[in-house]
Amino acid sequence: MLSKEKLDRINVLAKKAKDDGLNLKEQKEQKELREEYLKNVRKSFKNQFKSMKVVDPEGNDVTPKKVQELKDRERNNH
């Protein structure tokens, strides 16, 4: 998870970009912070996805094959 300071900085840069524009150093910083933020979002989503289990009304596990494969890969890597 991104620190509060980094999230605040992302917001400050976004506002400045909209209002006044950013210099090259700020553009680079914004790009790096956004990449880090997206990396964290993707990791979080993947973790939630791996823990998903789908059950039909009769109680049968109908979790999609891709999710099961992802879980299996994770178990084999540890």
PDB file of N, CA and C in Angstrom:
ATOM      1  N   MET A   1       0.840  -1.181   0.000  1.00  0.00           N
ATOM      2  CA  MET A   1       0.000   0.000   0.000  1.00  0.00           C
ATOM      3  C   MET A   1       0.882   1.240   0.000  1.00  0.00           C
ATOM      4  N   LEU A   2       0.448   2.236  -0.703  1.00  0.00           N
ATOM      5  CA  LEU A   2       1.183   3.493  -0.794  1.00  0.00           C
ATOM      6  C   LEU A   2       0.993   4.306   0.482  1.00  0.00           C
ATOM      7  N   SER A   3       2.037   4.988   0.888  1.00  0.00           N
ATOM      8  CA  SER A   3       1.947   5.813   2.095  1.00  0.00           C
ATOM      9  C   SER A   3       1.024   7.007   1.857  1.00  0.00           C
ATOM     10  N   LYS A   4       0.503   7.538   2.939  1.00  0.00           N
ATOM     11  CA  LYS A   4      -0.369   8.713   2.855  1.00  0.00           C
ATOM     12  C   LYS A   4       0.375   9.879   2.210  1.00  0.00           C
ATOM     13  N   GLU A   5       1.650  10.024   2.517  1.00  0.00           N
ATOM     14  CA  GLU A   5       2.440  11.116   1.953  1.00  0.00           C
ATOM     15  C   GLU A   5       2.509  11.017   0.430  1.00  0.00           C
ATOM     16  N   LYS A   6       2.703   9.792  -0.078  1.00  0.00           N
ATOM     17  CA  LYS A   6       2.789   9.615  -1.528  1.00  0.00           C
ATOM     18  C   LYS A   6       1.438   9.867  -2.187  1.00  0.00           C
ATOM     19  N   LEU A   7       0.363   9.389  -1.560  1.00  0.00           N
ATOM     20  CA  LEU A   7      -0.973   9.645  -2.107  1.00  0.00           C
ATOM     21  C   LEU A   7      -1.273  11.138  -2.122  1.00  0.00           C
ATOM     22  N   ASP A   8      -0.896  11.817  -1.039  1.00  0.00           N
ATOM     23  CA  ASP A   8      -1.091  13.269  -0.989  1.00  0.00           C
ATOM     24  C   ASP A   8      -0.292  13.960  -2.088  1.00  0.00           C
ATOM     25  N   ARG A   9       0.930  13.494  -2.303  1.00  0.00           N
ATOM     26  CA  ARG A   9       1.784  14.095  -3.338  1.00  0.00           C
ATOM     27  C   ARG A   9       1.189  13.877  -4.727  1.00  0.00           C
ATOM     28  N   ILE A  10       0.636  12.687  -4.975  1.00  0.00           N
ATOM     29  CA  ILE A  10      -0.033  12.415  -6.255  1.00  0.00           C
ATOM     30  C   ILE A  10      -1.149  13.428  -6.473  1.00  0.00           C
ATOM     31  N   ASN A  11      -1.934  13.667  -5.431  1.00  0.00           N
ATOM     32  CA  ASN A  11      -3.052  14.610  -5.543  1.00  0.00           C
ATOM     33  C   ASN A  11      -2.579  16.043  -5.752  1.00  0.00           C
ATOM     34  N   VAL A  12      -1.508  16.423  -5.059  1.00  0.00           N
ATOM     35  CA  VAL A  12      -0.957  17.772  -5.224  1.00  0.00           C
ATOM     36  C   VAL A  12      -0.478  17.970  -6.664  1.00  0.00           C
ATOM     37  N   LEU A  13       0.247  16.985  -7.176  1.00  0.00           N
ATOM     38  CA  LEU A  13       0.751  17.084  -8.552  1.00  0.00           C
ATOM     39  C   LEU A  13      -0.392  17.086  -9.568  1.00  0.00           C
ATOM     40  N   ALA A  14      -1.428  16.311  -9.327  1.00  0.00           N
ATOM     41  CA  ALA A  14      -2.567  16.283 -10.240  1.00  0.00           C
ATOM     42  C   ALA A  14      -3.254  17.644 -10.277  1.00  0.00           C
ATOM     43  N   LYS A  15      -3.430  18.244  -9.117  1.00  0.00           N
ATOM     44  CA  LYS A  15      -4.064  19.568  -9.058  1.00  0.00           C
ATOM     45  C   LYS A  15      -3.189  20.608  -9.745  1.00  0.00           C
ATOM     46  N   LYS A  16      -1.884  20.555  -9.472  1.00  0.00           N
ATOM     47  CA  LYS A  16      -0.972  21.518 -10.089  1.00  0.00           C
ATOM     48  C   LYS A  16      -0.943  21.345 -11.614  1.00  0.00           C
ATOM     49  N   ALA A  17      -0.964  20.091 -12.064  1.00  0.00           N
ATOM     50  CA  ALA A  17      -0.953  19.831 -13.503  1.00  0.00           C
ATOM     51  C   ALA A  17      -2.191  20.428 -14.153  1.00  0.00           C
ATOM     52  N   LYS A  18      -3.310  20.331 -13.480  1.00  0.00           N
ATOM     53  CA  LYS A  18      -4.562  20.871 -14.017  1.00  0.00           C
ATOM     54  C   LYS A  18      -4.567  22.400 -13.987  1.00  0.00           C
ATOM     55  N   ASP A  19      -4.068  22.970 -12.907  1.00  0.00           N
ATOM     56  CA  ASP A  19      -4.118  24.422 -12.726  1.00  0.00           C
ATOM     57  C   ASP A  19      -3.019  25.166 -13.482  1.00  0.00           C
ATOM     58  N   ASP A  20      -1.772  24.789 -13.221  1.00  0.00           N
ATOM     59  CA  ASP A  20      -0.629  25.558 -13.726  1.00  0.00           C
ATOM     60  C   ASP A  20       0.266  24.794 -14.697  1.00  0.00           C
ATOM     61  N   GLY A  21       0.187  23.481 -14.675  1.00  0.00           N
ATOM     62  CA  GLY A  21       1.109  22.663 -15.452  1.00  0.00           C
ATOM     63  C   GLY A  21       2.301  22.267 -14.607  1.00  0.00           C
ATOM     64  N   LEU A  22       3.004  21.244 -15.037  1.00  0.00           N
ATOM     65  CA  LEU A  22       4.147  20.719 -14.293  1.00  0.00           C
ATOM     66  C   LEU A  22       5.431  20.940 -15.075  1.00  0.00           C
ATOM     67  N   ASN A  23       6.529  21.152 -14.327  1.00  0.00           N
ATOM     68  CA  ASN A  23       7.829  21.202 -14.990  1.00  0.00           C
ATOM     69  C   ASN A  23       8.288  19.768 -15.244  1.00  0.00           C
ATOM     70  N   LEU A  24       9.403  19.597 -15.925  1.00  0.00           N
ATOM     71  CA  LEU A  24       9.861  18.256 -16.298  1.00  0.00           C
ATOM     72  C   LEU A  24      10.138  17.366 -15.092  1.00  0.00           C
ATOM     73  N   LYS A  25      10.725  17.932 -14.048  1.00  0.00           N
ATOM     74  CA  LYS A  25      11.021  17.164 -12.840  1.00  0.00           C
ATOM     75  C   LYS A  25       9.723  16.676 -12.184  1.00  0.00           C
ATOM     76  N   GLU A  26       8.733  17.537 -12.137  1.00  0.00           N
ATOM     77  CA  GLU A  26       7.445  17.171 -11.540  1.00  0.00           C
ATOM     78  C   GLU A  26       6.713  16.137 -12.403  1.00  0.00           C
ATOM     79  N   GLN A  27       6.832  16.269 -13.717  1.00  0.00           N
ATOM     80  CA  GLN A  27       6.216  15.288 -14.615  1.00  0.00           C
ATOM     81  C   GLN A  27       6.810  13.908 -14.392  1.00  0.00           C
ATOM     82  N   LYS A  28       8.124  13.864 -14.232  1.00  0.00           N
ATOM     83  CA  LYS A  28       8.814  12.592 -13.986  1.00  0.00           C
ATOM     84  C   LYS A  28       8.368  12.007 -12.650  1.00  0.00           C
ATOM     85  N   GLU A  29       8.313  12.849 -11.620  1.00  0.00           N
ATOM     86  CA  GLU A  29       7.880  12.408 -10.297  1.00  0.00           C
ATOM     87  C   GLU A  29       6.447  11.872 -10.363  1.00  0.00           C
ATOM     88  N   GLN A  30       5.572  12.597 -11.064  1.00  0.00           N
ATOM     89  CA  GLN A  30       4.174  12.181 -11.179  1.00  0.00           C
ATOM     90  C   GLN A  30       4.082  10.817 -11.870  1.00  0.00           C
ATOM     91  N   LYS A  31       4.838  10.646 -12.925  1.00  0.00           N
ATOM     92  CA  LYS A  31       4.827   9.383 -13.657  1.00  0.00           C
ATOM     93  C   LYS A  31       5.276   8.227 -12.764  1.00  0.00           C
ATOM     94  N   GLU A  32       6.357   8.436 -12.008  1.00  0.00           N
ATOM     95  CA  GLU A  32       6.878   7.397 -11.120  1.00  0.00           C
ATOM     96  C   GLU A  32       5.881   7.060 -10.008  1.00  0.00           C
ATOM     97  N   LEU A  33       5.257   8.083  -9.434  1.00  0.00           N
ATOM     98  CA  LEU A  33       4.274   7.854  -8.376  1.00  0.00           C
ATOM     99  C   LEU A  33       3.051   7.114  -8.918  1.00  0.00           C
ATOM    100  N   ARG A  34       2.608   7.488 -10.095  1.00  0.00           N
ATOM    101  CA  ARG A  34       1.462   6.800 -10.707  1.00  0.00           C
ATOM    102  C   ARG A  34       1.779   5.336 -10.984  1.00  0.00           C
ATOM    103  N   GLU A  35       2.988   5.069 -11.489  1.00  0.00           N
ATOM    104  CA  GLU A  35       3.388   3.685 -11.761  1.00  0.00           C
ATOM    105  C   GLU A  35       3.412   2.867 -10.474  1.00  0.00           C
ATOM    106  N   GLU A  36       3.941   3.445  -9.411  1.00  0.00           N
ATOM    107  CA  GLU A  36       3.984   2.759  -8.120  1.00  0.00           C
ATOM    108  C   GLU A  36       2.563   2.509  -7.605  1.00  0.00           C
ATOM    109  N   TYR A  37       1.704   3.513  -7.753  1.00  0.00           N
ATOM    110  CA  TYR A  37       0.305   3.384  -7.319  1.00  0.00           C
ATOM    111  C   TYR A  37      -0.390   2.263  -8.087  1.00  0.00           C
ATOM    112  N   LEU A  38      -0.249   2.256  -9.413  1.00  0.00           N
ATOM    113  CA  LEU A  38      -0.890   1.224 -10.228  1.00  0.00           C
ATOM    114  C   LEU A  38      -0.351  -0.164  -9.916  1.00  0.00           C
ATOM    115  N   LYS A  39       0.934  -0.262  -9.648  1.00  0.00           N
ATOM    116  CA  LYS A  39       1.534  -1.546  -9.278  1.00  0.00           C
ATOM    117  C   LYS A  39       0.878  -2.075  -8.005  1.00  0.00           C
ATOM    118  N   ASN A  40       0.659  -1.194  -7.038  1.00  0.00           N
ATOM    119  CA  ASN A  40       0.018  -1.589  -5.790  1.00  0.00           C
ATOM    120  C   ASN A  40      -1.442  -1.978  -5.999  1.00  0.00           C
ATOM    121  N   VAL A  41      -2.148  -1.244  -6.841  1.00  0.00           N
ATOM    122  CA  VAL A  41      -3.555  -1.559  -7.126  1.00  0.00           C
ATOM    123  C   VAL A  41      -3.654  -2.931  -7.786  1.00  0.00           C
ATOM    124  N   ARG A  42      -2.786  -3.184  -8.761  1.00  0.00           N
ATOM    125  CA  ARG A  42      -2.811  -4.478  -9.453  1.00  0.00           C
ATOM    126  C   ARG A  42      -2.492  -5.623  -8.498  1.00  0.00           C
ATOM    127  N   LYS A  43      -1.524  -5.422  -7.633  1.00  0.00           N
ATOM    128  CA  LYS A  43      -1.152  -6.457  -6.666  1.00  0.00           C
ATOM    129  C   LYS A  43      -2.315  -6.745  -5.721  1.00  0.00           C
ATOM    130  N   SER A  44      -2.957  -5.705  -5.240  1.00  0.00           N
ATOM    131  CA  SER A  44      -4.098  -5.867  -4.346  1.00  0.00           C
ATOM    132  C   SER A  44      -5.241  -6.604  -5.041  1.00  0.00           C
ATOM    133  N   PHE A  45      -5.525  -6.206  -6.278  1.00  0.00           N
ATOM    134  CA  PHE A  45      -6.591  -6.865  -7.030  1.00  0.00           C
ATOM    135  C   PHE A  45      -6.264  -8.336  -7.252  1.00  0.00           C
ATOM    136  N   LYS A  46      -5.034  -8.627  -7.594  1.00  0.00           N
ATOM    137  CA  LYS A  46      -4.628 -10.015  -7.838  1.00  0.00           C
ATOM    138  C   LYS A  46      -4.785 -10.845  -6.571  1.00  0.00           C
ATOM    139  N   ASN A  47      -4.423 -10.285  -5.423  1.00  0.00           N
ATOM    140  CA  ASN A  47      -4.586 -11.000  -4.160  1.00  0.00           C
ATOM    141  C   ASN A  47      -6.059 -11.268  -3.860  1.00  0.00           C
ATOM    142  N   GLN A  48      -6.914 -10.298  -4.119  1.00  0.00           N
ATOM    143  CA  GLN A  48      -8.354 -10.498  -3.916  1.00  0.00           C
ATOM    144  C   GLN A  48      -8.880 -11.557  -4.886  1.00  0.00           C
ATOM    145  N   PHE A  49      -8.421 -11.500  -6.098  1.00  0.00           N
ATOM    146  CA  PHE A  49      -8.847 -12.441  -7.126  1.00  0.00           C
ATOM    147  C   PHE A  49      -8.456 -13.863  -6.750  1.00  0.00           C
ATOM    148  N   LYS A  50      -7.232 -14.036  -6.230  1.00  0.00           N
ATOM    149  CA  LYS A  50      -6.754 -15.368  -5.851  1.00  0.00           C
ATOM    150  C   LYS A  50      -7.562 -15.962  -4.706  1.00  0.00           C
ATOM    151  N   SER A  51      -8.125 -15.126  -3.856  1.00  0.00           N
ATOM    152  CA  SER A  51      -8.868 -15.641  -2.714  1.00  0.00           C
ATOM    153  C   SER A  51     -10.348 -15.878  -3.045  1.00  0.00           C
ATOM    154  N   MET A  52     -10.745 -15.604  -4.278  1.00  0.00           N
ATOM    155  CA  MET A  52     -12.136 -15.740  -4.687  1.00  0.00           C
ATOM    156  C   MET A  52     -12.528 -17.202  -4.829  1.00  0.00           C
ATOM    157  N   LYS A  53     -13.743 -17.493  -4.399  1.00  0.00           N
ATOM    158  CA  LYS A  53     -14.317 -18.819  -4.598  1.00  0.00           C
ATOM    159  C   LYS A  53     -15.768 -18.602  -5.014  1.00  0.00           C
ATOM    160  N   VAL A  54     -16.184 -19.264  -6.087  1.00  0.00           N
ATOM    161  CA  VAL A  54     -17.541 -19.115  -6.604  1.00  0.00           C
ATOM    162  C   VAL A  54     -18.294 -20.409  -6.328  1.00  0.00           C
ATOM    163  N   VAL A  55     -19.467 -20.272  -5.695  1.00  0.00           N
ATOM    164  CA  VAL A  55     -20.281 -21.430  -5.352  1.00  0.00           C
ATOM    165  C   VAL A  55     -21.667 -21.245  -5.972  1.00  0.00           C
ATOM    166  N   ASP A  56     -22.164 -22.292  -6.632  1.00  0.00           N
ATOM    167  CA  ASP A  56     -23.498 -22.206  -7.234  1.00  0.00           C
ATOM    168  C   ASP A  56     -24.571 -22.412  -6.165  1.00  0.00           C
ATOM    169  N   PRO A  57     -25.845 -22.235  -6.520  1.00  0.00           N
ATOM    170  CA  PRO A  57     -26.919 -22.363  -5.522  1.00  0.00           C
ATOM    171  C   PRO A  57     -26.985 -23.727  -4.830  1.00  0.00           C
ATOM    172  N   GLU A  58     -26.460 -24.773  -5.462  1.00  0.00           N
ATOM    173  CA  GLU A  58     -26.453 -26.105  -4.842  1.00  0.00           C
ATOM    174  C   GLU A  58     -25.229 -26.336  -3.957  1.00  0.00           C
ATOM    175  N   GLY A  59     -24.340 -25.359  -3.889  1.00  0.00           N
ATOM    176  CA  GLY A  59     -23.160 -25.486  -3.034  1.00  0.00           C
ATOM    177  C   GLY A  59     -21.933 -26.047  -3.729  1.00  0.00           C
ATOM    178  N   ASN A  60     -21.997 -26.215  -5.042  1.00  0.00           N
ATOM    179  CA  ASN A  60     -20.851 -26.734  -5.793  1.00  0.00           C
ATOM    180  C   ASN A  60     -19.860 -25.618  -6.089  1.00  0.00           C
ATOM    181  N   ASP A  61     -18.594 -25.955  -5.963  1.00  0.00           N
ATOM    182  CA  ASP A  61     -17.534 -24.992  -6.286  1.00  0.00           C
ATOM    183  C   ASP A  61     -17.458 -24.851  -7.803  1.00  0.00           C
ATOM    184  N   VAL A  62     -17.777 -23.669  -8.303  1.00  0.00           N
ATOM    185  CA  VAL A  62     -17.729 -23.406  -9.745  1.00  0.00           C
ATOM    186  C   VAL A  62     -16.752 -22.259 -10.042  1.00  0.00           C
ATOM    187  N   THR A  63     -15.708 -22.197  -9.248  1.00  0.00           N
ATOM    188  CA  THR A  63     -14.686 -21.171  -9.432  1.00  0.00           C
ATOM    189  C   THR A  63     -14.080 -21.316 -10.831  1.00  0.00           C
ATOM    190  N   PRO A  64     -13.953 -20.211 -11.568  1.00  0.00           N
ATOM    191  CA  PRO A  64     -13.381 -20.297 -12.919  1.00  0.00           C
ATOM    192  C   PRO A  64     -12.001 -20.957 -12.912  1.00  0.00           C
ATOM    193  N   LYS A  65     -11.725 -21.678 -13.976  1.00  0.00           N
ATOM    194  CA  LYS A  65     -10.471 -22.417 -14.101  1.00  0.00           C
ATOM    195  C   LYS A  65      -9.246 -21.507 -13.967  1.00  0.00           C
ATOM    196  N   LYS A  66      -9.324 -20.299 -14.529  1.00  0.00           N
ATOM    197  CA  LYS A  66      -8.181 -19.372 -14.452  1.00  0.00           C
ATOM    198  C   LYS A  66      -7.862 -19.016 -13.004  1.00  0.00           C
ATOM    199  N   VAL A  67      -8.885 -18.829 -12.196  1.00  0.00           N
ATOM    200  CA  VAL A  67      -8.674 -18.501 -10.788  1.00  0.00           C
ATOM    201  C   VAL A  67      -8.045 -19.696 -10.075  1.00  0.00           C
ATOM    202  N   GLN A  68      -8.553 -20.886 -10.354  1.00  0.00           N
ATOM    203  CA  GLN A  68      -7.987 -22.089  -9.735  1.00  0.00           C
ATOM    204  C   GLN A  68      -6.522 -22.270 -10.126  1.00  0.00           C
ATOM    205  N   GLU A  69      -6.197 -22.025 -11.395  1.00  0.00           N
ATOM    206  CA  GLU A  69      -4.812 -22.140 -11.854  1.00  0.00           C
ATOM    207  C   GLU A  69      -3.911 -21.125 -11.162  1.00  0.00           C
ATOM    208  N   LEU A  70      -4.416 -19.916 -10.976  1.00  0.00           N
ATOM    209  CA  LEU A  70      -3.656 -18.876 -10.293  1.00  0.00           C
ATOM    210  C   LEU A  70      -3.378 -19.278  -8.847  1.00  0.00           C
ATOM    211  N   LYS A  71      -4.390 -19.837  -8.178  1.00  0.00           N
ATOM    212  CA  LYS A  71      -4.219 -20.313  -6.802  1.00  0.00           C
ATOM    213  C   LYS A  71      -3.184 -21.429  -6.756  1.00  0.00           C
ATOM    214  N   ASP A  72      -3.271 -22.369  -7.708  1.00  0.00           N
ATOM    215  CA  ASP A  72      -2.324 -23.490  -7.748  1.00  0.00           C
ATOM    216  C   ASP A  72      -0.901 -23.003  -7.958  1.00  0.00           C
ATOM    217  N   ARG A  73      -0.723 -22.045  -8.867  1.00  0.00           N
ATOM    218  CA  ARG A  73       0.618 -21.488  -9.106  1.00  0.00           C
ATOM    219  C   ARG A  73       1.174 -20.844  -7.852  1.00  0.00           C
ATOM    220  N   GLU A  74       0.310 -20.130  -7.135  1.00  0.00           N
ATOM    221  CA  GLU A  74       0.727 -19.445  -5.910  1.00  0.00           C
ATOM    222  C   GLU A  74       1.156 -20.481  -4.862  1.00  0.00           C
ATOM    223  N   ARG A  75       0.377 -21.543  -4.728  1.00  0.00           N
ATOM    224  CA  ARG A  75       0.713 -22.585  -3.746  1.00  0.00           C
ATOM    225  C   ARG A  75       2.036 -23.275  -4.108  1.00  0.00           C
ATOM    226  N   ASN A  76       2.269 -23.514  -5.404  1.00  0.00           N
ATOM    227  CA  ASN A  76       3.485 -24.185  -5.839  1.00  0.00           C
ATOM    228  C   ASN A  76       4.722 -23.319  -5.696  1.00  0.00           C
ATOM    229  N   ASN A  77       4.546 -21.994  -5.683  1.00  0.00           N
ATOM    230  CA  ASN A  77       5.686 -21.081  -5.551  1.00  0.00           C
ATOM    231  C   ASN A  77       6.118 -20.916  -4.103  1.00  0.00           C
ATOM    232  N   HIS A  78       5.310 -21.357  -3.173  1.00  0.00           N
ATOM    233  CA  HIS A  78       5.660 -21.183  -1.743  1.00  0.00           C
ATOM    234  C   HIS A  78       6.058 -22.459  -1.120  1.00  0.00           C
TER     235      HIS A  78
END
